[in-house]
Amino acid sequence: VYSQDALHRPYGGVVPEIASRNHVTALPDIVERAVSESGLAWNNIDAVAVTYGPGLSSSLLVGLSAAKALALRLKKSLIGINHLEAHIYSIFLGDDAPLVENVCPFVALMVSGGHTCLVKVQGLG
């Protein structure tokens, strides 16, 4: 839905202050666009999930604030998610994706910023 690559390219990597400032201005439109492009209505949303880390503290704070505001607006639960686990579990998001329980245990290669590792996944959590 959105990328900050062009903003950070001149610096050779992510600049936390630029990232968090851009998150503040871009997040409302990004959330609106994501819901619109999903084909869902706001009343189809059961909960709001947000990463609590690891990551850049300023960007995490902006995301958490936006997620709390959205959860309050929608009167929905707020669910904290580990950033690295979210990358692994994202492979199960598609309509044709298997259930996590049906493929555990498995080994995942995770490449995310400064975090690259092989992870043996036993199950959820």
N, C-alpha and C. Protein backbone atom coordinates (compact mmCIF):
# COMPACT_ATOMS: atom_id res chain seq x y z
N VAL A 1 0.82 -1.19 0.00
CA VAL A 1 0.00 0.00 0.00
C VAL A 1 0.87 1.25 0.00
N TYR A 2 2.04 1.20 0.65
CA TYR A 2 2.87 2.40 0.77
C TYR A 2 4.32 2.00 1.05
N SER A 3 5.25 2.80 0.56
CA SER A 3 6.67 2.56 0.82
C SER A 3 7.39 3.89 1.04
N GLN A 4 8.35 3.88 1.94
CA GLN A 4 9.19 5.05 2.19
C GLN A 4 10.57 4.91 1.54
N ASP A 5 10.76 3.92 0.69
CA ASP A 5 12.07 3.68 0.09
C ASP A 5 12.67 4.92 -0.54
N ALA A 6 11.89 5.65 -1.32
CA ALA A 6 12.42 6.83 -2.02
C ALA A 6 12.90 7.90 -1.03
N LEU A 7 12.23 8.02 0.10
CA LEU A 7 12.64 9.01 1.11
C LEU A 7 14.00 8.69 1.72
N HIS A 8 14.28 7.41 1.91
CA HIS A 8 15.49 7.00 2.61
C HIS A 8 16.66 6.66 1.68
N ARG A 9 16.38 6.43 0.42
CA ARG A 9 17.43 6.02 -0.53
C ARG A 9 18.64 6.95 -0.52
N PRO A 10 18.46 8.29 -0.50
CA PRO A 10 19.63 9.17 -0.51
C PRO A 10 20.56 8.97 0.69
N TYR A 11 20.06 8.38 1.77
CA TYR A 11 20.85 8.21 3.00
C TYR A 11 21.44 6.80 3.12
N GLY A 12 21.09 5.92 2.20
CA GLY A 12 21.62 4.56 2.24
C GLY A 12 20.98 3.66 3.27
N GLY A 13 19.90 4.08 3.85
CA GLY A 13 19.19 3.28 4.85
C GLY A 13 18.14 4.13 5.55
N VAL A 14 17.41 3.50 6.43
CA VAL A 14 16.32 4.18 7.12
C VAL A 14 16.87 5.18 8.14
N VAL A 15 16.36 6.40 8.08
CA VAL A 15 16.69 7.44 9.07
C VAL A 15 15.50 7.52 10.01
N PRO A 16 15.66 7.10 11.28
CA PRO A 16 14.52 7.01 12.19
C PRO A 16 13.67 8.28 12.28
N GLU A 17 14.27 9.43 12.37
CA GLU A 17 13.49 10.67 12.50
C GLU A 17 12.65 10.94 11.25
N ILE A 18 13.22 10.70 10.08
CA ILE A 18 12.47 10.88 8.83
C ILE A 18 11.34 9.86 8.76
N ALA A 19 11.63 8.62 9.15
CA ALA A 19 10.61 7.57 9.12
C ALA A 19 9.43 7.91 10.02
N SER A 20 9.70 8.29 11.26
CA SER A 20 8.60 8.55 12.19
C SER A 20 7.80 9.78 11.80
N ARG A 21 8.47 10.83 11.32
CA ARG A 21 7.72 12.02 10.87
C ARG A 21 6.83 11.69 9.69
N ASN A 22 7.34 10.86 8.78
CA ASN A 22 6.53 10.47 7.63
C ASN A 22 5.38 9.57 8.04
N HIS A 23 5.61 8.71 9.04
CA HIS A 23 4.53 7.86 9.55
C HIS A 23 3.37 8.72 10.05
N VAL A 24 3.69 9.77 10.79
CA VAL A 24 2.64 10.64 11.36
C VAL A 24 1.75 11.21 10.27
N THR A 25 2.36 11.70 9.19
CA THR A 25 1.56 12.34 8.14
C THR A 25 0.91 11.33 7.20
N ALA A 26 1.55 10.19 6.98
CA ALA A 26 1.06 9.24 5.99
C ALA A 26 0.06 8.21 6.52
N LEU A 27 0.14 7.86 7.81
CA LEU A 27 -0.68 6.77 8.35
C LEU A 27 -2.18 6.90 8.14
N PRO A 28 -2.79 8.05 8.39
CA PRO A 28 -4.24 8.11 8.20
C PRO A 28 -4.68 7.73 6.79
N ASP A 29 -4.00 8.25 5.77
CA ASP A 29 -4.35 7.90 4.39
C ASP A 29 -4.04 6.45 4.07
N ILE A 30 -2.94 5.93 4.62
CA ILE A 30 -2.57 4.54 4.38
C ILE A 30 -3.63 3.59 4.94
N VAL A 31 -4.09 3.87 6.15
CA VAL A 31 -5.12 3.02 6.77
C VAL A 31 -6.41 3.08 5.97
N GLU A 32 -6.82 4.27 5.58
CA GLU A 32 -8.03 4.41 4.76
C GLU A 32 -7.90 3.63 3.46
N ARG A 33 -6.75 3.76 2.80
CA ARG A 33 -6.53 3.08 1.53
C ARG A 33 -6.49 1.56 1.71
N ALA A 34 -5.85 1.10 2.76
CA ALA A 34 -5.77 -0.34 3.01
C ALA A 34 -7.15 -0.95 3.21
N VAL A 35 -7.98 -0.29 3.99
CA VAL A 35 -9.35 -0.79 4.21
C VAL A 35 -10.13 -0.75 2.91
N SER A 36 -10.02 0.35 2.18
CA SER A 36 -10.74 0.49 0.90
C SER A 36 -10.32 -0.59 -0.10
N GLU A 37 -9.01 -0.79 -0.25
CA GLU A 37 -8.52 -1.77 -1.21
C GLU A 37 -8.80 -3.21 -0.79
N SER A 38 -9.03 -3.44 0.50
CA SER A 38 -9.32 -4.79 0.97
C SER A 38 -10.73 -5.23 0.60
N GLY A 39 -11.58 -4.26 0.29
CA GLY A 39 -12.97 -4.58 -0.01
C GLY A 39 -13.82 -4.75 1.23
N LEU A 40 -13.24 -4.52 2.40
CA LEU A 40 -13.97 -4.63 3.65
C LEU A 40 -14.55 -3.28 4.05
N ALA A 41 -15.58 -3.33 4.86
CA ALA A 41 -16.12 -2.12 5.47
C ALA A 41 -15.55 -2.03 6.89
N TRP A 42 -15.57 -0.82 7.45
CA TRP A 42 -15.04 -0.64 8.81
C TRP A 42 -15.72 -1.57 9.81
N ASN A 43 -17.01 -1.85 9.62
CA ASN A 43 -17.71 -2.72 10.58
C ASN A 43 -17.34 -4.19 10.43
N ASN A 44 -16.54 -4.54 9.41
CA ASN A 44 -16.04 -5.91 9.26
C ASN A 44 -14.77 -6.16 10.08
N ILE A 45 -14.22 -5.10 10.65
CA ILE A 45 -12.97 -5.23 11.41
C ILE A 45 -13.29 -5.68 12.84
N ASP A 46 -12.68 -6.79 13.24
CA ASP A 46 -12.95 -7.37 14.57
C ASP A 46 -12.02 -6.84 15.65
N ALA A 47 -10.80 -6.45 15.27
CA ALA A 47 -9.81 -5.98 16.24
C ALA A 47 -8.73 -5.20 15.48
N VAL A 48 -7.91 -4.49 16.22
CA VAL A 48 -6.79 -3.74 15.64
C VAL A 48 -5.50 -4.33 16.19
N ALA A 49 -4.63 -4.78 15.30
CA ALA A 49 -3.34 -5.34 15.71
C ALA A 49 -2.24 -4.33 15.42
N VAL A 50 -1.25 -4.29 16.30
CA VAL A 50 -0.14 -3.35 16.14
C VAL A 50 1.14 -4.01 16.64
N THR A 51 2.24 -3.75 15.94
CA THR A 51 3.51 -4.30 16.40
C THR A 51 4.05 -3.47 17.56
N TYR A 52 4.60 -4.17 18.55
CA TYR A 52 5.19 -3.48 19.71
C TYR A 52 6.71 -3.57 19.67
N GLY A 53 7.28 -4.21 18.66
CA GLY A 53 8.72 -4.29 18.52
C GLY A 53 9.15 -5.68 18.14
N PRO A 54 10.39 -5.89 17.86
CA PRO A 54 11.44 -4.87 17.85
C PRO A 54 11.31 -3.95 16.64
N GLY A 55 11.97 -2.82 16.71
CA GLY A 55 11.95 -1.86 15.62
C GLY A 55 12.45 -0.50 16.09
N LEU A 56 12.31 0.48 15.22
CA LEU A 56 12.73 1.84 15.54
C LEU A 56 11.72 2.43 16.52
N SER A 57 12.19 2.86 17.69
CA SER A 57 11.29 3.28 18.76
C SER A 57 10.36 4.41 18.34
N SER A 58 10.86 5.37 17.59
CA SER A 58 9.99 6.49 17.19
C SER A 58 8.88 6.02 16.25
N SER A 59 9.20 5.13 15.33
CA SER A 59 8.18 4.61 14.41
C SER A 59 7.19 3.71 15.14
N LEU A 60 7.69 2.90 16.09
CA LEU A 60 6.80 2.06 16.88
C LEU A 60 5.82 2.90 17.69
N LEU A 61 6.30 4.00 18.24
CA LEU A 61 5.45 4.89 19.03
C LEU A 61 4.35 5.51 18.18
N VAL A 62 4.70 5.95 16.98
CA VAL A 62 3.71 6.53 16.07
C VAL A 62 2.67 5.48 15.69
N GLY A 63 3.13 4.27 15.36
CA GLY A 63 2.20 3.20 14.99
C GLY A 63 1.29 2.81 16.13
N LEU A 64 1.84 2.72 17.33
CA LEU A 64 1.04 2.37 18.50
C LEU A 64 -0.01 3.44 18.78
N SER A 65 0.37 4.69 18.68
CA SER A 65 -0.59 5.79 18.90
C SER A 65 -1.72 5.74 17.89
N ALA A 66 -1.37 5.52 16.62
CA ALA A 66 -2.39 5.45 15.57
C ALA A 66 -3.31 4.25 15.79
N ALA A 67 -2.74 3.11 16.16
CA ALA A 67 -3.54 1.90 16.39
C ALA A 67 -4.47 2.07 17.58
N LYS A 68 -3.98 2.68 18.66
CA LYS A 68 -4.84 2.94 19.83
C LYS A 68 -6.01 3.84 19.45
N ALA A 69 -5.72 4.88 18.68
CA ALA A 69 -6.79 5.80 18.27
C ALA A 69 -7.81 5.08 17.41
N LEU A 70 -7.35 4.23 16.49
CA LEU A 70 -8.26 3.49 15.63
C LEU A 70 -9.10 2.51 16.44
N ALA A 71 -8.47 1.80 17.37
CA ALA A 71 -9.21 0.85 18.21
C ALA A 71 -10.28 1.56 19.04
N LEU A 72 -9.94 2.72 19.57
CA LEU A 72 -10.93 3.50 20.33
C LEU A 72 -12.07 3.96 19.43
N ARG A 73 -11.71 4.46 18.24
CA ARG A 73 -12.74 4.94 17.30
C ARG A 73 -13.70 3.82 16.90
N LEU A 74 -13.15 2.62 16.68
CA LEU A 74 -13.97 1.49 16.25
C LEU A 74 -14.57 0.70 17.41
N LYS A 75 -14.14 1.05 18.64
CA LYS A 75 -14.57 0.31 19.84
C LYS A 75 -14.21 -1.17 19.72
N LYS A 76 -12.95 -1.41 19.34
CA LYS A 76 -12.44 -2.77 19.14
C LYS A 76 -11.23 -3.01 20.03
N SER A 77 -10.90 -4.27 20.24
CA SER A 77 -9.73 -4.64 21.03
C SER A 77 -8.45 -4.27 20.29
N LEU A 78 -7.41 -3.96 21.06
CA LEU A 78 -6.09 -3.68 20.52
C LEU A 78 -5.20 -4.88 20.86
N ILE A 79 -4.56 -5.46 19.85
CA ILE A 79 -3.75 -6.66 20.04
C ILE A 79 -2.30 -6.35 19.69
N GLY A 80 -1.39 -6.55 20.63
CA GLY A 80 0.03 -6.34 20.39
C GLY A 80 0.65 -7.54 19.71
N ILE A 81 1.46 -7.29 18.69
CA ILE A 81 2.08 -8.35 17.90
C ILE A 81 3.59 -8.13 17.84
N ASN A 82 4.37 -9.18 18.01
CA ASN A 82 5.81 -9.10 17.84
C ASN A 82 6.11 -8.91 16.35
N HIS A 83 6.92 -7.92 16.03
CA HIS A 83 7.24 -7.57 14.65
C HIS A 83 7.83 -8.75 13.87
N LEU A 84 8.76 -9.46 14.49
CA LEU A 84 9.42 -10.56 13.79
C LEU A 84 8.48 -11.74 13.59
N GLU A 85 7.66 -12.05 14.59
CA GLU A 85 6.66 -13.11 14.44
C GLU A 85 5.67 -12.76 13.34
N ALA A 86 5.33 -11.49 13.23
CA ALA A 86 4.38 -11.06 12.19
C ALA A 86 4.93 -11.35 10.80
N HIS A 87 6.23 -11.13 10.61
CA HIS A 87 6.82 -11.46 9.30
C HIS A 87 6.66 -12.94 9.00
N ILE A 88 6.92 -13.78 9.98
CA ILE A 88 6.80 -15.23 9.77
C ILE A 88 5.36 -15.62 9.48
N TYR A 89 4.43 -15.14 10.29
CA TYR A 89 3.04 -15.56 10.15
C TYR A 89 2.33 -14.92 8.96
N SER A 90 2.95 -13.92 8.34
CA SER A 90 2.31 -13.27 7.18
C SER A 90 2.12 -14.24 6.02
N ILE A 91 2.88 -15.33 5.98
CA ILE A 91 2.70 -16.30 4.90
C ILE A 91 1.36 -17.04 4.99
N PHE A 92 0.69 -16.90 6.12
CA PHE A 92 -0.59 -17.57 6.31
C PHE A 92 -1.79 -16.64 6.10
N LEU A 93 -1.59 -15.47 5.52
CA LEU A 93 -2.67 -14.48 5.38
C LEU A 93 -3.56 -14.68 4.17
N GLY A 94 -3.10 -15.32 3.14
CA GLY A 94 -3.90 -15.46 1.92
C GLY A 94 -5.09 -16.38 2.09
N ASP A 95 -6.07 -16.19 1.23
CA ASP A 95 -7.27 -17.04 1.28
C ASP A 95 -6.94 -18.51 1.06
N ASP A 96 -5.92 -18.79 0.24
CA ASP A 96 -5.55 -20.18 -0.06
C ASP A 96 -4.45 -20.71 0.86
N ALA A 97 -4.04 -19.92 1.83
CA ALA A 97 -2.95 -20.32 2.72
C ALA A 97 -3.42 -21.41 3.69
N PRO A 98 -2.51 -22.32 4.04
CA PRO A 98 -2.88 -23.34 5.03
C PRO A 98 -2.98 -22.73 6.42
N LEU A 99 -3.60 -23.46 7.33
CA LEU A 99 -3.64 -23.04 8.73
C LEU A 99 -2.28 -23.30 9.37
N VAL A 100 -1.86 -22.41 10.24
CA VAL A 100 -0.57 -22.56 10.91
C VAL A 100 -0.48 -23.93 11.58
N GLU A 101 -1.55 -24.32 12.24
CA GLU A 101 -1.55 -25.58 13.00
C GLU A 101 -1.29 -26.78 12.10
N ASN A 102 -1.62 -26.67 10.81
CA ASN A 102 -1.47 -27.80 9.90
C ASN A 102 -0.06 -27.95 9.34
N VAL A 103 0.81 -26.99 9.57
CA VAL A 103 2.16 -27.07 9.01
C VAL A 103 3.26 -27.06 10.08
N CYS A 104 2.91 -26.86 11.33
CA CYS A 104 3.91 -26.83 12.40
C CYS A 104 4.34 -28.24 12.73
N PRO A 105 5.58 -28.43 13.11
CA PRO A 105 6.64 -27.43 13.13
C PRO A 105 7.20 -27.20 11.72
N PHE A 106 7.81 -26.01 11.53
CA PHE A 106 8.48 -25.70 10.27
C PHE A 106 9.62 -24.73 10.55
N VAL A 107 10.51 -24.59 9.58
CA VAL A 107 11.63 -23.66 9.69
C VAL A 107 11.38 -22.49 8.76
N ALA A 108 11.54 -21.28 9.28
CA ALA A 108 11.32 -20.06 8.49
C ALA A 108 12.63 -19.30 8.38
N LEU A 109 12.90 -18.78 7.19
CA LEU A 109 14.02 -17.86 6.99
C LEU A 109 13.44 -16.47 7.09
N MET A 110 13.93 -15.70 8.05
CA MET A 110 13.42 -14.34 8.26
C MET A 110 14.53 -13.35 7.95
N VAL A 111 14.24 -12.44 7.00
CA VAL A 111 15.18 -11.39 6.63
C VAL A 111 14.42 -10.08 6.76
N SER A 112 14.73 -9.31 7.80
CA SER A 112 14.00 -8.07 8.08
C SER A 112 14.94 -7.06 8.69
N GLY A 113 15.38 -6.09 7.89
CA GLY A 113 16.27 -5.07 8.42
C GLY A 113 17.51 -5.69 9.03
N GLY A 114 17.77 -5.39 10.28
CA GLY A 114 18.95 -5.93 10.96
C GLY A 114 18.75 -7.30 11.54
N HIS A 115 17.60 -7.91 11.31
CA HIS A 115 17.28 -9.21 11.90
C HIS A 115 17.19 -10.25 10.80
N THR A 116 18.20 -11.11 10.69
CA THR A 116 18.19 -12.21 9.73
C THR A 116 18.48 -13.48 10.50
N CYS A 117 17.57 -14.46 10.39
CA CYS A 117 17.78 -15.69 11.14
C CYS A 117 16.90 -16.81 10.62
N LEU A 118 17.27 -18.03 10.98
CA LEU A 118 16.44 -19.19 10.76
C LEU A 118 15.69 -19.46 12.06
N VAL A 119 14.39 -19.68 11.96
CA VAL A 119 13.57 -19.86 13.15
C VAL A 119 12.80 -21.17 13.03
N LYS A 120 12.89 -22.02 14.05
CA LYS A 120 12.07 -23.21 14.09
C LYS A 120 10.76 -22.84 14.78
N VAL A 121 9.67 -22.92 14.04
CA VAL A 121 8.36 -22.54 14.56
C VAL A 121 7.64 -23.80 15.03
N GLN A 122 7.36 -23.86 16.33
CA GLN A 122 6.68 -25.02 16.92
C GLN A 122 5.16 -24.87 16.86
N GLY A 123 4.70 -23.62 16.92
CA GLY A 123 3.27 -23.34 16.92
C GLY A 123 3.05 -21.85 17.11
N LEU A 124 1.83 -21.46 17.28
CA LEU A 124 1.52 -20.04 17.50
C LEU A 124 2.10 -19.56 18.82
N GLY A 125 2.58 -18.30 18.81
CA GLY A 125 3.04 -17.67 20.05
C GLY A 125 4.43 -17.89 20.38
